């Protein structure tokens, strides 16, 4: 099943996903760039361009690919300086040894991973970088730990996540002679959300996309989430933890 193809989800995704990509990407360039010039870089499964836009600060040419026309339509507005392609991760629209770096944000778990890694090996230059990073919302409200129980027990029980490929990058590349050792980094980022912002953020998640496909109405889900989260708010906005983790390696 494909997710994030619906126009209204793409629009909410663009508006309500936390914008922390630049902080994660900046740490990569600080730790791994080694004064290298980055001419051509690609953001695979770029979505609405949140993970693409920061790359313009570090590379001469930035490309993005995605399989969702609705997502790409928004990305073209948000990141007009990037070159975007409607293309699957398993069949990248680049020549051999063309890219200095490939970035993947919150998407490796949706790919045919074996085919994608083959495409990475084909399109990356020697000593080019593969940088895979994820973000997740663990349901931690700084001022009220009781929210975590609602989020992890009530919310996820009613709207369980769809199946993902959760194999870590290090395991995928364990016996692959084309890549160097996999490095890891993590960062917890505080974000402030109002009840409306939290509800709309949750509405962008793949478990909600799955629930809509199964027959739940958008209005029904929004009302249920609103009823569940509002008692935890004592201020206009509350602080939550947004967790990030990254893995990166070099093409040999």
Protein backbone atom coordinates (compact mmCIF):
# COMPACT_ATOMS: atom_id res chain seq x y z
CA UNK A 1 0.00 0.00 0.00
CA UNK A 2 1.27 3.48 -0.91
CA UNK A 3 0.98 6.23 1.68
CA UNK A 4 0.91 10.03 1.42
CA UNK A 5 -0.79 10.10 -1.99
CA UNK A 6 -3.86 11.97 -0.72
CA UNK A 7 -3.88 15.71 -1.40
CA UNK A 8 -5.16 16.77 2.02
CA UNK A 9 -2.53 14.64 3.79
CA UNK A 10 0.20 16.13 1.60
CA UNK A 11 -1.04 19.62 2.50
CA UNK A 12 -1.13 18.88 6.24
CA UNK A 13 2.26 17.18 5.96
CA UNK A 14 3.72 20.30 4.40
CA UNK A 15 2.22 22.59 7.03
CA UNK A 16 2.40 20.62 10.27
CA UNK A 17 5.45 18.34 10.16
CA UNK A 18 8.13 19.78 12.51
CA UNK A 19 10.87 21.57 10.59
CA UNK A 20 14.00 20.13 12.21
CA UNK A 21 15.67 18.71 9.09
CA UNK A 22 18.26 21.47 8.82
CA UNK A 23 19.60 20.74 12.31
CA UNK A 24 20.14 17.07 11.46
CA UNK A 25 21.62 17.72 8.01
CA UNK A 26 23.96 20.40 9.35
CA UNK A 27 25.41 17.93 11.85
CA UNK A 28 26.13 15.50 9.00
CA UNK A 29 28.05 18.07 6.98
CA UNK A 30 29.98 19.16 10.06
CA UNK A 31 31.03 15.62 10.92
CA UNK A 32 31.38 13.89 7.55
CA UNK A 33 32.04 16.41 4.81
CA UNK A 34 35.84 16.58 5.38
CA UNK A 35 36.01 19.79 3.31
CA UNK A 36 34.69 17.91 0.30
CA UNK A 37 32.85 19.82 -2.44
CA UNK A 38 29.28 18.61 -2.90
CA UNK A 39 28.22 19.30 -6.47
CA UNK A 40 25.27 16.95 -6.99
CA UNK A 41 23.17 15.67 -4.10
CA UNK A 42 19.81 13.93 -4.13
CA UNK A 43 17.00 13.74 -1.59
CA UNK A 44 15.19 10.45 -2.17
CA UNK A 45 11.49 10.32 -1.22
CA UNK A 46 11.68 14.07 -0.76
CA UNK A 47 7.99 14.54 0.03
CA UNK A 48 7.01 18.20 0.09
CA UNK A 49 10.62 19.35 0.22
CA UNK A 50 11.24 19.72 3.96
CA UNK A 51 14.37 17.60 3.72
CA UNK A 52 15.35 19.02 0.31
CA UNK A 53 15.43 22.73 1.10
CA UNK A 54 18.31 22.62 3.65
CA UNK A 55 20.53 20.88 1.10
CA UNK A 56 20.60 24.05 -1.00
CA UNK A 57 22.91 25.53 1.64
CA UNK A 58 25.52 22.82 1.14
CA UNK A 59 25.49 21.69 -2.49
CA UNK A 60 25.62 23.27 -5.92
CA UNK A 61 22.88 21.12 -7.49
CA UNK A 62 20.06 19.59 -5.46
CA UNK A 63 17.70 16.92 -6.80
CA UNK A 64 14.64 15.32 -5.27
CA UNK A 65 12.61 12.25 -6.13
CA UNK A 66 9.27 10.95 -4.90
CA UNK A 67 6.46 8.65 -6.02
CA UNK A 68 3.64 10.94 -4.84
CA UNK A 69 2.49 13.52 -7.37
CA UNK A 70 0.67 15.43 -4.63
CA UNK A 71 3.83 15.67 -2.53
CA UNK A 72 5.96 16.75 -5.49
CA UNK A 73 3.44 19.42 -6.50
CA UNK A 74 3.97 21.08 -3.12
CA UNK A 75 7.74 20.52 -3.21
CA UNK A 76 7.96 22.39 -6.52
CA UNK A 77 6.43 25.42 -4.81
CA UNK A 78 8.51 25.13 -1.66
CA UNK A 79 11.88 24.36 -3.27
CA UNK A 80 11.82 25.86 -6.78
CA UNK A 81 15.62 25.81 -7.03
CA UNK A 82 15.74 22.01 -6.76
CA UNK A 83 15.26 19.68 -9.71
CA UNK A 84 12.50 17.20 -8.91
CA UNK A 85 11.55 13.86 -10.45
CA UNK A 86 8.52 11.61 -10.14
CA UNK A 87 10.53 8.46 -9.62
CA UNK A 88 10.72 5.44 -7.27
CA UNK A 89 13.72 4.96 -5.02
CA UNK A 90 14.39 1.63 -6.68
CA UNK A 91 14.93 3.20 -10.12
CA UNK A 92 16.75 6.50 -9.70
CA UNK A 93 16.90 8.93 -12.65
CA UNK A 94 20.64 9.53 -12.42
CA UNK A 95 23.66 8.34 -14.38
CA UNK A 96 26.33 6.13 -12.86
CA UNK A 97 28.78 7.83 -10.47
CA UNK A 98 26.84 11.10 -10.65
CA UNK A 99 25.97 11.95 -7.05
CA UNK A 100 28.22 13.21 -4.27
CA UNK A 101 25.63 12.33 -1.64
CA UNK A 102 22.24 10.69 -1.27
CA UNK A 103 19.89 11.66 1.55
CA UNK A 104 16.86 9.70 2.73
CA UNK A 105 14.54 11.10 5.38
CA UNK A 106 11.90 8.89 7.00
CA UNK A 107 11.53 6.69 3.95
CA UNK A 108 14.00 3.79 3.84
CA UNK A 109 11.45 1.62 5.64
CA UNK A 110 9.04 1.95 2.69
CA UNK A 111 11.55 0.93 -0.01
CA UNK A 112 12.48 -2.36 -1.59
CA UNK A 113 15.74 -2.00 0.27
CA UNK A 114 17.87 -4.40 -1.74
CA UNK A 115 16.99 -2.65 -5.00
CA UNK A 116 17.51 0.77 -3.46
CA UNK A 117 20.98 -0.08 -2.14
CA UNK A 118 21.91 -1.29 -5.63
CA UNK A 119 20.81 2.06 -7.04
CA UNK A 120 22.81 3.90 -4.40
CA UNK A 121 25.93 1.94 -5.34
CA UNK A 122 25.31 2.68 -9.03
CA UNK A 123 24.68 6.41 -8.77
CA UNK A 124 27.09 7.50 -6.00
CA UNK A 125 30.58 8.65 -6.85
CA UNK A 126 33.53 6.95 -5.20
CA UNK A 127 33.74 8.26 -1.63
CA UNK A 128 30.22 9.68 -1.98
CA UNK A 129 27.95 9.56 1.06
CA UNK A 130 24.66 7.84 1.87
CA UNK A 131 22.88 9.60 4.74
CA UNK A 132 19.69 8.04 6.14
CA UNK A 133 17.82 9.76 8.93
CA UNK A 134 14.55 9.27 10.70
CA UNK A 135 12.36 11.34 12.98
CA UNK A 136 9.71 10.06 15.29
CA UNK A 137 7.29 11.34 17.86
CA UNK A 138 7.62 9.16 21.00
CA UNK A 139 4.70 10.87 22.70
CA UNK A 140 6.64 12.64 25.44
CA UNK A 141 5.11 15.86 26.77
CA UNK A 142 7.64 17.63 28.97
CA UNK A 143 5.15 18.97 31.49
CA UNK A 144 2.82 15.95 31.67
CA UNK A 145 4.22 12.39 31.50
CA UNK A 146 0.67 11.01 31.51
CA UNK A 147 0.37 11.98 27.86
CA UNK A 148 2.81 9.22 26.94
CA UNK A 149 0.39 6.54 28.16
CA UNK A 150 -2.44 7.98 26.06
CA UNK A 151 -0.23 8.24 22.99
CA UNK A 152 1.45 4.83 23.17
CA UNK A 153 -1.47 2.83 24.52
CA UNK A 154 -4.74 4.50 23.48
CA UNK A 155 -3.76 6.24 20.25
CA UNK A 156 -1.50 3.53 18.81
CA UNK A 157 -3.93 0.80 19.86
CA UNK A 158 -6.78 2.44 17.97
CA UNK A 159 -4.65 3.40 14.97
CA UNK A 160 -1.75 0.91 14.71
CA UNK A 161 1.16 1.62 12.40
CA UNK A 162 1.37 -0.12 9.02
CA UNK A 163 4.10 -2.65 8.44
CA UNK A 164 7.53 -1.22 7.76
CA UNK A 165 10.94 -2.63 6.85
CA UNK A 166 12.79 -1.83 10.07
CA UNK A 167 16.17 -3.32 9.17
CA UNK A 168 18.92 -0.89 10.29
CA UNK A 169 21.22 0.46 7.59
CA UNK A 170 24.24 -1.14 9.28
CA UNK A 171 22.62 -4.56 8.95
CA UNK A 172 21.60 -3.95 5.33
CA UNK A 173 25.21 -3.14 4.44
CA UNK A 174 26.90 -5.65 6.74
CA UNK A 175 28.32 -7.82 3.97
CA UNK A 176 28.28 -5.24 1.18
CA UNK A 177 31.84 -4.50 -0.03
CA UNK A 178 30.70 -1.30 -1.74
CA UNK A 179 30.29 0.62 1.50
CA UNK A 180 32.41 1.63 4.46
CA UNK A 181 31.52 1.40 8.14
CA UNK A 182 28.15 2.87 9.13
CA UNK A 183 28.27 5.79 11.57
CA UNK A 184 25.39 6.67 13.89
CA UNK A 185 24.17 9.88 15.47
CA UNK A 186 21.05 10.91 17.39
CA UNK A 187 19.46 14.11 18.61
CA UNK A 188 16.33 14.89 20.64
CA UNK A 189 14.79 18.21 19.64
CA UNK A 190 12.16 20.05 21.73
CA UNK A 191 9.13 21.33 19.81
CA UNK A 192 6.16 23.42 20.92
CA UNK A 193 2.69 22.36 19.80
CA UNK A 194 -0.82 23.65 20.41
CA UNK A 195 -3.69 21.12 20.53
CA UNK A 196 -4.57 22.00 16.94
CA UNK A 197 -0.97 21.64 15.78
CA UNK A 198 -0.60 18.31 17.56
CA UNK A 199 -3.82 16.96 16.10
CA UNK A 200 -2.90 18.10 12.60
CA UNK A 201 0.58 16.63 12.96
CA UNK A 202 -0.88 13.27 13.99
CA UNK A 203 -3.17 13.44 10.96
CA UNK A 204 -0.07 13.33 8.72
CA UNK A 205 1.12 9.98 10.06
CA UNK A 206 0.95 6.78 8.05
CA UNK A 207 -1.23 5.01 10.62
CA UNK A 208 -3.92 7.65 10.03
CA UNK A 209 -3.52 7.31 6.27
CA UNK A 210 -4.06 3.57 6.76
CA UNK A 211 -7.15 4.17 8.93
CA UNK A 212 -8.71 6.38 6.26
CA UNK A 213 -8.10 3.68 3.65
CA UNK A 214 -9.87 1.26 5.98
CA UNK A 215 -13.02 3.40 6.07
CA UNK A 216 -12.60 5.87 8.94
CA UNK A 217 -13.62 9.40 8.00
CA UNK A 218 -11.27 12.33 8.44
CA UNK A 219 -13.84 14.13 10.60
CA UNK A 220 -14.28 11.10 12.86
CA UNK A 221 -10.53 10.75 13.43
CA UNK A 222 -9.99 14.46 14.05
CA UNK A 223 -12.80 14.56 16.60
CA UNK A 224 -11.46 11.48 18.39
CA UNK A 225 -7.92 12.91 18.58
CA UNK A 226 -9.17 16.31 19.75
CA UNK A 227 -11.16 14.68 22.55
CA UNK A 228 -8.14 12.61 23.61
CA UNK A 229 -5.39 15.23 23.67
CA UNK A 230 -7.04 18.40 24.99
CA UNK A 231 -7.16 17.34 28.67
CA UNK A 232 -3.34 17.14 28.70
CA UNK A 233 -2.88 20.81 27.77
CA UNK A 234 -2.71 23.42 30.52
CA UNK A 235 -1.09 26.09 28.34
CA UNK A 236 -1.68 27.36 24.82
CA UNK A 237 1.30 25.30 23.71
CA UNK A 238 3.15 22.44 25.37
CA UNK A 239 6.69 21.18 24.80
CA UNK A 240 7.18 17.74 23.29
CA UNK A 241 10.22 15.66 22.38
CA UNK A 242 10.90 15.05 18.70
CA UNK A 243 13.51 12.33 18.34
CA UNK A 244 15.92 11.96 15.42
CA UNK A 245 18.43 9.29 14.50
CA UNK A 246 20.80 9.07 11.55
CA UNK A 247 23.06 6.52 9.90
CA UNK A 248 25.62 7.38 7.26
CA UNK A 249 28.30 5.63 5.26
CA UNK A 250 30.68 6.21 2.39
CA UNK A 251 30.75 4.52 -1.01
CA UNK A 252 34.07 2.75 -1.54
